[in-house]
PDB file of N, CA and C in Angstrom:
ATOM      1  N   MET A   1       1.173  -1.176  -0.092  1.00  0.00           N
ATOM      2  CA  MET A   1      -0.164  -0.130  -0.231  1.00  0.00           C
ATOM      3  C   MET A   1       1.225   1.650   0.280  1.00  0.00           C
ATOM      4  N   SER A   2       0.498   1.757  -1.442  1.00  0.00           N
ATOM      5  CA  SER A   2       1.844   3.140  -0.732  1.00  0.00           C
ATOM      6  C   SER A   2       1.180   4.274  -0.221  1.00  0.00           C
ATOM      7  N   PRO A   3       1.166   5.705   0.040  1.00  0.00           N
ATOM      8  CA  PRO A   3       0.827   6.716   0.935  1.00  0.00           C
ATOM      9  C   PRO A   3      -0.230   7.066  -0.746  1.00  0.00           C
ATOM     10  N   LYS A   4      -0.011   6.960  -2.257  1.00  0.00           N
ATOM     11  CA  LYS A   4      -0.885   8.233  -2.395  1.00  0.00           C
ATOM     12  C   LYS A   4      -2.151   7.047  -3.126  1.00  0.00           C
ATOM     13  N   SER A   5      -2.133   5.883  -1.872  1.00  0.00           N
ATOM     14  CA  SER A   5      -3.435   5.234  -2.293  1.00  0.00           C
ATOM     15  C   SER A   5      -4.138   5.224  -0.786  1.00  0.00           C
ATOM     16  N   ILE A   6      -4.124   6.256  -0.216  1.00  0.00           N
ATOM     17  CA  ILE A   6      -4.295   6.981   0.888  1.00  0.00           C
ATOM     18  C   ILE A   6      -5.458   8.224   0.718  1.00  0.00           C
ATOM     19  N   THR A   7      -6.484   7.622   1.220  1.00  0.00           N
ATOM     20  CA  THR A   7      -7.297   9.063   0.468  1.00  0.00           C
ATOM     21  C   THR A   7      -7.668  10.211   1.255  1.00  0.00           C
ATOM     22  N   PRO A   8      -7.428  11.529   0.824  1.00  0.00           N
ATOM     23  CA  PRO A   8      -6.569  12.022   1.526  1.00  0.00           C
ATOM     24  C   PRO A   8      -7.599  13.148   2.749  1.00  0.00           C
ATOM     25  N   ASP A   9      -8.919  12.298   2.961  1.00  0.00           N
ATOM     26  CA  ASP A   9      -9.251  12.734   4.083  1.00  0.00           C
ATOM     27  C   ASP A   9      -8.797  11.466   5.430  1.00  0.00           C
ATOM     28  N   ILE A  10      -8.264  10.307   5.207  1.00  0.00           N
ATOM     29  CA  ILE A  10      -7.787   9.929   6.324  1.00  0.00           C
ATOM     30  C   ILE A  10      -6.000  10.111   6.527  1.00  0.00           C
ATOM     31  N   ALA A  11      -5.172  10.475   4.793  1.00  0.00           N
ATOM     32  CA  ALA A  11      -3.994  11.251   5.460  1.00  0.00           C
ATOM     33  C   ALA A  11      -3.820  12.474   6.342  1.00  0.00           C
ATOM     34  N   ALA A  12      -5.581  13.199   6.078  1.00  0.00           N
ATOM     35  CA  ALA A  12      -4.703  15.011   6.180  1.00  0.00           C
ATOM     36  C   ALA A  12      -4.330  14.450   7.455  1.00  0.00           C
ATOM     37  N   PRO A  13      -4.603  14.413   8.771  1.00  0.00           N
ATOM     38  CA  PRO A  13      -4.018  13.718  10.187  1.00  0.00           C
ATOM     39  C   PRO A  13      -3.060  13.070  10.426  1.00  0.00           C
ATOM     40  N   LEU A  14      -2.660  12.552   9.330  1.00  0.00           N
ATOM     41  CA  LEU A  14      -0.632  11.368   8.988  1.00  0.00           C
ATOM     42  C   LEU A  14       0.177  12.844   8.538  1.00  0.00           C
ATOM     43  N   ASN A  15      -0.798  14.496   8.043  1.00  0.00           N
ATOM     44  CA  ASN A  15      -0.103  14.974   7.183  1.00  0.00           C
ATOM     45  C   ASN A  15      -0.007  16.635   8.572  1.00  0.00           C
ATOM     46  N   ASN A  16      -0.483  16.029   9.495  1.00  0.00           N
ATOM     47  CA  ASN A  16      -0.625  17.243   9.838  1.00  0.00           C
ATOM     48  C   ASN A  16      -0.072  16.821  11.640  1.00  0.00           C
ATOM     49  N   ALA A  17       0.871  15.692  11.289  1.00  0.00           N
ATOM     50  CA  ALA A  17       1.228  14.776  12.686  1.00  0.00           C
ATOM     51  C   ALA A  17       1.787  15.452  13.801  1.00  0.00           C
ATOM     52  N   GLY A  18       1.738  16.262  14.794  1.00  0.00           N
ATOM     53  CA  GLY A  18       2.499  17.350  15.473  1.00  0.00           C
ATOM     54  C   GLY A  18       1.819  18.776  15.449  1.00  0.00           C
ATOM     55  N   ALA A  19       0.892  18.688  14.379  1.00  0.00           N
ATOM     56  CA  ALA A  19       0.838  20.412  14.969  1.00  0.00           C
ATOM     57  C   ALA A  19      -0.194  20.706  16.128  1.00  0.00           C
ATOM     58  N   GLY A  20      -1.513  19.331  16.310  1.00  0.00           N
ATOM     59  CA  GLY A  20      -2.023  19.521  17.900  1.00  0.00           C
ATOM     60  C   GLY A  20      -1.660  20.688  18.646  1.00  0.00           C
ATOM     61  N   PHE A  21       0.005  20.048  18.683  1.00  0.00           N
ATOM     62  CA  PHE A  21       0.891  21.293  20.197  1.00  0.00           C
ATOM     63  C   PHE A  21       0.748  22.684  19.791  1.00  0.00           C
ATOM     64  N   LYS A  22       0.612  22.712  18.310  1.00  0.00           N
ATOM     65  CA  LYS A  22       0.953  23.808  18.326  1.00  0.00           C
ATOM     66  C   LYS A  22      -0.262  24.961  18.175  1.00  0.00           C
ATOM     67  N   ASN A  23      -1.299  24.317  18.347  1.00  0.00           N
ATOM     68  CA  ASN A  23      -2.635  24.778  18.126  1.00  0.00           C
ATOM     69  C   ASN A  23      -3.549  24.774  19.641  1.00  0.00           C
ATOM     70  N   ILE A  24      -2.203  24.513  21.034  1.00  0.00           N
ATOM     71  CA  ILE A  24      -2.708  24.232  22.425  1.00  0.00           C
ATOM     72  C   ILE A  24      -2.449  25.870  22.872  1.00  0.00           C
ATOM     73  N   LYS A  25      -3.708  26.203  22.849  1.00  0.00           N
ATOM     74  CA  LYS A  25      -3.491  27.827  23.618  1.00  0.00           C
ATOM     75  C   LYS A  25      -3.063  27.986  25.275  1.00  0.00           C
ATOM     76  N   LYS A  26      -2.168  29.379  25.234  1.00  0.00           N
ATOM     77  CA  LYS A  26      -2.096  28.551  26.199  1.00  0.00           C
ATOM     78  C   LYS A  26      -2.814  29.824  28.048  1.00  0.00           C
ATOM     79  N   PRO A  27      -2.954  29.254  29.184  1.00  0.00           N
ATOM     80  CA  PRO A  27      -3.953  30.217  29.684  1.00  0.00           C
ATOM     81  C   PRO A  27      -4.093  31.556  29.838  1.00  0.00           C
ATOM     82  N   SER A  28      -5.207  32.246  29.245  1.00  0.00           N
ATOM     83  CA  SER A  28      -4.654  33.359  29.457  1.00  0.00           C
ATOM     84  C   SER A  28      -4.826  34.412  30.875  1.00  0.00           C
ATOM     85  N   GLY A  29      -4.391  35.210  30.926  1.00  0.00           N
ATOM     86  CA  GLY A  29      -4.649  35.846  32.901  1.00  0.00           C
ATOM     87  C   GLY A  29      -3.253  35.797  32.609  1.00  0.00           C
ATOM     88  N   ALA A  30      -2.820  36.198  34.362  1.00  0.00           N
ATOM     89  CA  ALA A  30      -1.166  36.672  34.873  1.00  0.00           C
ATOM     90  C   ALA A  30      -0.798  34.928  35.513  1.00  0.00           C
ATOM     91  N   GLY A  31       0.400  34.544  34.851  1.00  0.00           N
ATOM     92  CA  GLY A  31       1.029  33.848  35.783  1.00  0.00           C
ATOM     93  C   GLY A  31       0.621  33.678  36.875  1.00  0.00           C
ATOM     94  N   PHE A  32       1.697  31.864  37.344  1.00  0.00           N
ATOM     95  CA  PHE A  32       1.992  32.163  39.061  1.00  0.00           C
ATOM     96  C   PHE A  32       3.032  33.015  39.208  1.00  0.00           C
ATOM     97  N   GLY A  33       4.087  33.244  38.234  1.00  0.00           N
ATOM     98  CA  GLY A  33       5.012  34.167  38.721  1.00  0.00           C
ATOM     99  C   GLY A  33       4.691  36.110  38.756  1.00  0.00           C
ATOM    100  N   ASP A  34       3.327  36.236  37.899  1.00  0.00           N
ATOM    101  CA  ASP A  34       3.426  37.119  38.173  1.00  0.00           C
ATOM    102  C   ASP A  34       2.045  38.027  39.256  1.00  0.00           C
ATOM    103  N   GLN A  35       1.178  37.216  39.269  1.00  0.00           N
ATOM    104  CA  GLN A  35       0.914  36.690  40.499  1.00  0.00           C
ATOM    105  C   GLN A  35       1.454  36.394  41.916  1.00  0.00           C
ATOM    106  N   LEU A  36       2.586  36.380  42.459  1.00  0.00           N
ATOM    107  CA  LEU A  36       3.315  35.904  43.168  1.00  0.00           C
ATOM    108  C   LEU A  36       4.131  37.960  43.305  1.00  0.00           C
ATOM    109  N   LYS A  37       4.175  38.237  42.565  1.00  0.00           N
ATOM    110  CA  LYS A  37       5.070  39.241  42.169  1.00  0.00           C
ATOM    111  C   LYS A  37       4.313  40.147  42.642  1.00  0.00           C
ATOM    112  N   LYS A  38       3.333  40.202  42.581  1.00  0.00           N
ATOM    113  CA  LYS A  38       2.262  40.856  43.179  1.00  0.00           C
ATOM    114  C   LYS A  38       1.916  40.984  44.568  1.00  0.00           C
ATOM    115  N   TYR A  39       1.419  40.230  44.888  1.00  0.00           N
ATOM    116  CA  TYR A  39       1.433  39.930  45.881  1.00  0.00           C
ATOM    117  C   TYR A  39       2.945  40.917  47.489  1.00  0.00           C
ATOM    118  N   LEU A  40       3.384  40.098  46.806  1.00  0.00           N
ATOM    119  CA  LEU A  40       5.199  40.523  46.875  1.00  0.00           C
ATOM    120  C   LEU A  40       5.258  42.722  47.141  1.00  0.00           C
ATOM    121  N   SER A  41       4.811  43.011  46.234  1.00  0.00           N
ATOM    122  CA  SER A  41       4.308  44.104  46.301  1.00  0.00           C
ATOM    123  C   SER A  41       3.467  44.299  46.693  1.00  0.00           C
ATOM    124  N   GLU A  42       2.696  44.295  47.273  1.00  0.00           N
ATOM    125  CA  GLU A  42       1.489  44.359  48.090  1.00  0.00           C
ATOM    126  C   GLU A  42       2.374  44.726  49.660  1.00  0.00           C
ATOM    127  N   VAL A  43       2.769  44.020  49.741  1.00  0.00           N
ATOM    128  CA  VAL A  43       2.551  43.707  51.197  1.00  0.00           C
ATOM    129  C   VAL A  43       4.402  44.189  51.564  1.00  0.00           C
ATOM    130  N   ASN A  44       4.882  44.708  50.903  1.00  0.00           N
ATOM    131  CA  ASN A  44       5.890  45.794  50.577  1.00  0.00           C
ATOM    132  C   ASN A  44       4.962  47.139  51.053  1.00  0.00           C
ATOM    133  N   GLU A  45       4.077  47.303  49.975  1.00  0.00           N
ATOM    134  CA  GLU A  45       3.861  48.309  50.337  1.00  0.00           C
ATOM    135  C   GLU A  45       2.974  48.831  51.585  1.00  0.00           C
ATOM    136  N   LEU A  46       2.382  47.339  52.170  1.00  0.00           N
ATOM    137  CA  LEU A  46       2.136  48.000  53.746  1.00  0.00           C
ATOM    138  C   LEU A  46       2.776  47.501  53.931  1.00  0.00           C
ATOM    139  N   GLN A  47       4.445  47.211  54.436  1.00  0.00           N
ATOM    140  CA  GLN A  47       5.166  47.330  55.783  1.00  0.00           C
ATOM    141  C   GLN A  47       5.301  48.408  55.304  1.00  0.00           C
ATOM    142  N   GLN A  48       5.789  49.383  54.224  1.00  0.00           N
ATOM    143  CA  GLN A  48       5.996  50.982  54.039  1.00  0.00           C
ATOM    144  C   GLN A  48       5.223  51.747  54.886  1.00  0.00           C
ATOM    145  N   VAL A  49       3.967  51.413  54.337  1.00  0.00           N
ATOM    146  CA  VAL A  49       2.599  52.393  55.298  1.00  0.00           C
ATOM    147  C   VAL A  49       2.694  52.213  56.560  1.00  0.00           C
ATOM    148  N   ALA A  50       2.918  51.275  56.575  1.00  0.00           N
ATOM    149  CA  ALA A  50       3.390  51.055  59.122  1.00  0.00           C
ATOM    150  C   ALA A  50       4.528  51.691  59.056  1.00  0.00           C
ATOM    151  N   ASP A  51       5.394  51.160  58.321  1.00  0.00           N
ATOM    152  CA  ASP A  51       7.341  52.452  59.211  1.00  0.00           C
ATOM    153  C   ASP A  51       6.467  54.084  59.229  1.00  0.00           C
ATOM    154  N   LYS A  52       6.160  53.811  57.710  1.00  0.00           N
ATOM    155  CA  LYS A  52       5.194  55.935  57.740  1.00  0.00           C
ATOM    156  C   LYS A  52       4.629  56.214  58.792  1.00  0.00           C
ATOM    157  N   LYS A  53       4.165  55.321  59.135  1.00  0.00           N
ATOM    158  CA  LYS A  53       2.867  55.297  60.745  1.00  0.00           C
ATOM    159  C   LYS A  53       2.951  55.572  61.314  1.00  0.00           C
ATOM    160  N   VAL A  54       4.685  54.240  61.938  1.00  0.00           N
ATOM    161  CA  VAL A  54       5.158  54.892  62.982  1.00  0.00           C
ATOM    162  C   VAL A  54       5.777  55.703  63.269  1.00  0.00           C
ATOM    163  N   GLU A  55       6.741  56.672  62.232  1.00  0.00           N
ATOM    164  CA  GLU A  55       7.750  57.341  61.760  1.00  0.00           C
ATOM    165  C   GLU A  55       6.749  59.010  62.358  1.00  0.00           C
ATOM    166  N   GLU A  56       5.172  58.773  61.752  1.00  0.00           N
ATOM    167  CA  GLU A  56       4.538  60.263  62.324  1.00  0.00           C
ATOM    168  C   GLU A  56       3.710  60.306  63.452  1.00  0.00           C
ATOM    169  N   LEU A  57       4.181  59.027  64.052  1.00  0.00           N
ATOM    170  CA  LEU A  57       3.463  58.654  65.170  1.00  0.00           C
ATOM    171  C   LEU A  57       5.215  59.068  66.729  1.00  0.00           C
ATOM    172  N   ALA A  58       5.492  58.472  66.519  1.00  0.00           N
ATOM    173  CA  ALA A  58       7.220  59.031  67.070  1.00  0.00           C
ATOM    174  C   ALA A  58       7.507  60.480  66.464  1.00  0.00           C
ATOM    175  N   SER A  59       7.438  61.142  66.102  1.00  0.00           N
ATOM    176  CA  SER A  59       7.890  62.241  65.643  1.00  0.00           C
ATOM    177  C   SER A  59       6.607  63.432  66.241  1.00  0.00           C
ATOM    178  N   GLY A  60       5.175  62.522  66.305  1.00  0.00           N
ATOM    179  CA  GLY A  60       4.221  63.351  66.577  1.00  0.00           C
ATOM    180  C   GLY A  60       4.003  64.141  65.692  1.00  0.00           C
ATOM    181  N   ARG A  61       3.755  63.818  64.614  1.00  0.00           N
ATOM    182  CA  ARG A  61       2.669  64.790  63.458  1.00  0.00           C
ATOM    183  C   ARG A  61       1.670  64.064  63.609  1.00  0.00           C
ATOM    184  N   ASN A  62       1.761  63.071  63.583  1.00  0.00           N
ATOM    185  CA  ASN A  62      -0.261  61.745  63.824  1.00  0.00           C
ATOM    186  C   ASN A  62      -0.156  61.894  64.530  1.00  0.00           C
ATOM    187  N   ALA A  63      -0.695  61.909  66.077  1.00  0.00           N
ATOM    188  CA  ALA A  63      -1.433  61.205  66.701  1.00  0.00           C
ATOM    189  C   ALA A  63      -1.843  59.988  67.267  1.00  0.00           C
ATOM    190  N   ASN A  64      -2.850  59.424  65.458  1.00  0.00           N
ATOM    191  CA  ASN A  64      -3.519  58.830  65.809  1.00  0.00           C
ATOM    192  C   ASN A  64      -2.899  57.152  66.247  1.00  0.00           C
ATOM    193  N   LEU A  65      -2.923  57.013  67.273  1.00  0.00           N
ATOM    194  CA  LEU A  65      -2.298  55.807  67.459  1.00  0.00           C
ATOM    195  C   LEU A  65      -2.970  54.257  67.357  1.00  0.00           C
ATOM    196  N   HIS A  66      -4.917  54.357  67.013  1.00  0.00           N
ATOM    197  CA  HIS A  66      -5.522  53.230  66.638  1.00  0.00           C
ATOM    198  C   HIS A  66      -4.888  53.026  65.013  1.00  0.00           C
ATOM    199  N   GLU A  67      -5.293  54.063  63.865  1.00  0.00           N
ATOM    200  CA  GLU A  67      -4.445  53.769  63.351  1.00  0.00           C
ATOM    201  C   GLU A  67      -3.303  53.437  62.596  1.00  0.00           C
ATOM    202  N   THR A  68      -2.262  53.897  63.471  1.00  0.00           N
ATOM    203  CA  THR A  68      -1.007  53.029  63.429  1.00  0.00           C
ATOM    204  C   THR A  68      -0.807  51.283  63.458  1.00  0.00           C
ATOM    205  N   LEU A  69      -2.100  51.778  64.944  1.00  0.00           N
ATOM    206  CA  LEU A  69      -1.020  49.779  65.802  1.00  0.00           C
ATOM    207  C   LEU A  69      -2.332  49.315  64.357  1.00  0.00           C
ATOM    208  N   ILE A  70      -3.153  49.244  63.933  1.00  0.00           N
ATOM    209  CA  ILE A  70      -3.801  48.345  62.669  1.00  0.00           C
ATOM    210  C   ILE A  70      -3.245  48.160  61.414  1.00  0.00           C
ATOM    211  N   ALA A  71      -2.514  49.427  60.858  1.00  0.00           N
ATOM    212  CA  ALA A  71      -1.031  49.690  59.934  1.00  0.00           C
ATOM    213  C   ALA A  71       0.017  48.831  59.876  1.00  0.00           C
ATOM    214  N   VAL A  72       0.261  48.794  61.325  1.00  0.00           N
ATOM    215  CA  VAL A  72       1.766  47.860  61.553  1.00  0.00           C
ATOM    216  C   VAL A  72       0.410  46.214  61.606  1.00  0.00           C
ATOM    217  N   GLU A  73       0.335  45.917  62.365  1.00  0.00           N
ATOM    218  CA  GLU A  73      -0.351  44.247  63.086  1.00  0.00           C
ATOM    219  C   GLU A  73      -1.106  44.283  61.413  1.00  0.00           C
ATOM    220  N   LYS A  74      -1.470  44.978  60.142  1.00  0.00           N
ATOM    221  CA  LYS A  74      -1.966  44.385  59.031  1.00  0.00           C
ATOM    222  C   LYS A  74      -0.973  44.072  57.692  1.00  0.00           C
ATOM    223  N   ALA A  75       0.721  44.999  58.082  1.00  0.00           N
ATOM    224  CA  ALA A  75       1.928  44.719  57.417  1.00  0.00           C
ATOM    225  C   ALA A  75       2.487  43.374  58.416  1.00  0.00           C
ATOM    226  N   GLY A  76       1.758  43.186  59.513  1.00  0.00           N
ATOM    227  CA  GLY A  76       2.742  41.608  60.142  1.00  0.00           C
ATOM    228  C   GLY A  76       2.433  40.559  59.572  1.00  0.00           C
ATOM    229  N   ILE A  77       0.970  40.784  60.127  1.00  0.00           N
ATOM    230  CA  ILE A  77      -0.189  39.575  59.379  1.00  0.00           C
ATOM    231  C   ILE A  77      -0.289  39.294  57.244  1.00  0.00           C
ATOM    232  N   SER A  78       0.570  40.580  56.473  1.00  0.00           N
ATOM    233  CA  SER A  78       0.303  40.601  55.492  1.00  0.00           C
ATOM    234  C   SER A  78       2.311  39.599  55.485  1.00  0.00           C
ATOM    235  N   PHE A  79       3.397  40.155  56.313  1.00  0.00           N
ATOM    236  CA  PHE A  79       4.567  39.843  56.224  1.00  0.00           C
ATOM    237  C   PHE A  79       4.228  38.054  56.882  1.00  0.00           C
ATOM    238  N   ARG A  80       3.708  38.011  57.370  1.00  0.00           N
ATOM    239  CA  ARG A  80       3.958  35.717  58.198  1.00  0.00           C
ATOM    240  C   ARG A  80       2.762  34.961  57.378  1.00  0.00           C
ATOM    241  N   MET A  81       1.572  35.953  56.393  1.00  0.00           N
ATOM    242  CA  MET A  81       1.137  34.733  55.292  1.00  0.00           C
ATOM    243  C   MET A  81       2.274  34.641  53.719  1.00  0.00           C
ATOM    244  N   MET A  82       2.850  35.353  53.210  1.00  0.00           N
ATOM    245  CA  MET A  82       3.841  35.003  52.763  1.00  0.00           C
ATOM    246  C   MET A  82       5.273  34.687  53.169  1.00  0.00           C
ATOM    247  N   MET A  83       5.193  35.140  54.077  1.00  0.00           N
ATOM    248  CA  MET A  83       6.040  33.293  54.895  1.00  0.00           C
ATOM    249  C   MET A  83       5.791  31.800  55.067  1.00  0.00           C
ATOM    250  N   GLN A  84       4.220  32.171  55.427  1.00  0.00           N
ATOM    251  CA  GLN A  84       3.692  30.576  54.861  1.00  0.00           C
ATOM    252  C   GLN A  84       3.945  30.174  53.512  1.00  0.00           C
ATOM    253  N   VAL A  85       3.802  31.335  52.543  1.00  0.00           N
ATOM    254  CA  VAL A  85       3.025  30.467  51.175  1.00  0.00           C
ATOM    255  C   VAL A  85       4.575  30.400  50.847  1.00  0.00           C
ATOM    256  N   ARG A  86       6.025  31.080  51.128  1.00  0.00           N
ATOM    257  CA  ARG A  86       7.413  30.538  51.125  1.00  0.00           C
ATOM    258  C   ARG A  86       7.290  29.274  50.840  1.00  0.00           C
ATOM    259  N   ASN A  87       7.239  29.469  52.294  1.00  0.00           N
ATOM    260  CA  ASN A  87       7.613  28.398  53.088  1.00  0.00           C
ATOM    261  C   ASN A  87       6.496  27.054  52.117  1.00  0.00           C
ATOM    262  N   LYS A  88       5.117  26.882  51.904  1.00  0.00           N
ATOM    263  CA  LYS A  88       4.689  25.776  50.930  1.00  0.00           C
ATOM    264  C   LYS A  88       5.474  25.358  49.556  1.00  0.00           C
ATOM    265  N   ILE A  89       5.395  27.023  48.582  1.00  0.00           N
ATOM    266  CA  ILE A  89       6.800  26.902  47.623  1.00  0.00           C
ATOM    267  C   ILE A  89       7.918  26.042  48.261  1.00  0.00           C
ATOM    268  N   ILE A  90       8.500  25.942  48.891  1.00  0.00           N
ATOM    269  CA  ILE A  90      10.346  26.088  49.012  1.00  0.00           C
ATOM    270  C   ILE A  90       9.890  24.369  49.077  1.00  0.00           C
ATOM    271  N   SER A  91       9.183  23.549  49.968  1.00  0.00           N
ATOM    272  CA  SER A  91       8.060  22.689  50.460  1.00  0.00           C
ATOM    273  C   SER A  91       8.092  21.791  49.182  1.00  0.00           C
ATOM    274  N   ALA A  92       7.247  22.484  48.031  1.00  0.00           N
ATOM    275  CA  ALA A  92       6.307  22.105  47.457  1.00  0.00           C
ATOM    276  C   ALA A  92       7.603  21.358  45.502  1.00  0.00           C
ATOM    277  N   TYR A  93       8.869  22.666  46.036  1.00  0.00           N
ATOM    278  CA  TYR A  93       9.998  21.997  45.262  1.00  0.00           C
ATOM    279  C   TYR A  93      10.773  20.779  46.033  1.00  0.00           C
ATOM    280  N   GLU A  94      11.006  20.780  47.313  1.00  0.00           N
ATOM    281  CA  GLU A  94      11.504  19.597  47.460  1.00  0.00           C
ATOM    282  C   GLU A  94      11.082  18.365  47.156  1.00  0.00           C
ATOM    283  N   GLU A  95       9.674  18.736  47.339  1.00  0.00           N
ATOM    284  CA  GLU A  95       8.666  17.152  46.575  1.00  0.00           C
ATOM    285  C   GLU A  95       9.171  16.913  45.367  1.00  0.00           C
ATOM    286  N   VAL A  96       9.161  17.937  44.763  1.00  0.00           N
ATOM    287  CA  VAL A  96       9.759  17.121  42.773  1.00  0.00           C
ATOM    288  C   VAL A  96      11.114  17.363  43.044  1.00  0.00           C
ATOM    289  N   MET A  97      12.388  17.432  43.813  1.00  0.00           N
ATOM    290  CA  MET A  97      12.698  17.263  43.475  1.00  0.00           C
ATOM    291  C   MET A  97      13.547  15.764  44.209  1.00  0.00           C
ATOM    292  N   ARG A  98      12.470  15.334  44.965  1.00  0.00           N
ATOM    293  CA  ARG A  98      13.195  13.905  45.868  1.00  0.00           C
ATOM    294  C   ARG A  98      12.102  12.372  44.409  1.00  0.00           C
ATOM    295  N   MET A  99      11.332  13.694  43.914  1.00  0.00           N
ATOM    296  CA  MET A  99      10.634  12.096  42.875  1.00  0.00           C
ATOM    297  C   MET A  99      11.835  11.879  41.927  1.00  0.00           C
ATOM    298  N   GLN A 100      11.128  10.386  41.412  1.00  0.00           N
ATOM    299  CA  GLN A 100      12.799  10.000  40.632  1.00  0.00           C
ATOM    300  C   GLN A 100      11.663   9.186  39.448  1.00  0.00           C
ATOM    301  N   PHE A 101      12.072   9.650  38.451  1.00  0.00           N
ATOM    302  CA  PHE A 101      11.557   9.029  37.419  1.00  0.00           C
ATOM    303  C   PHE A 101      12.295   8.023  36.507  1.00  0.00           C
TER     304      PHE A 101
END
């Protein structure tokens, strides 16, 4: 049986072998790395706001102790959350490295 004897309908998938991978669409939206960078910058912003409020309170420019403590607590909670995410990422990385193929 020669390849010419195969009808075009049957031979079409054989001619396009490997083309299926080219047609796979990438998921839309931001990737994991982009999301991680976004959350890290948010944690950094909260830390900077808390530092600024503490500095203002210490210098006497802003005597609102309540807002300052809330800002410090928000920054602390977000930092602890970021550390937990970091620990999970490292744990997942170590787990993948232990896999044997």
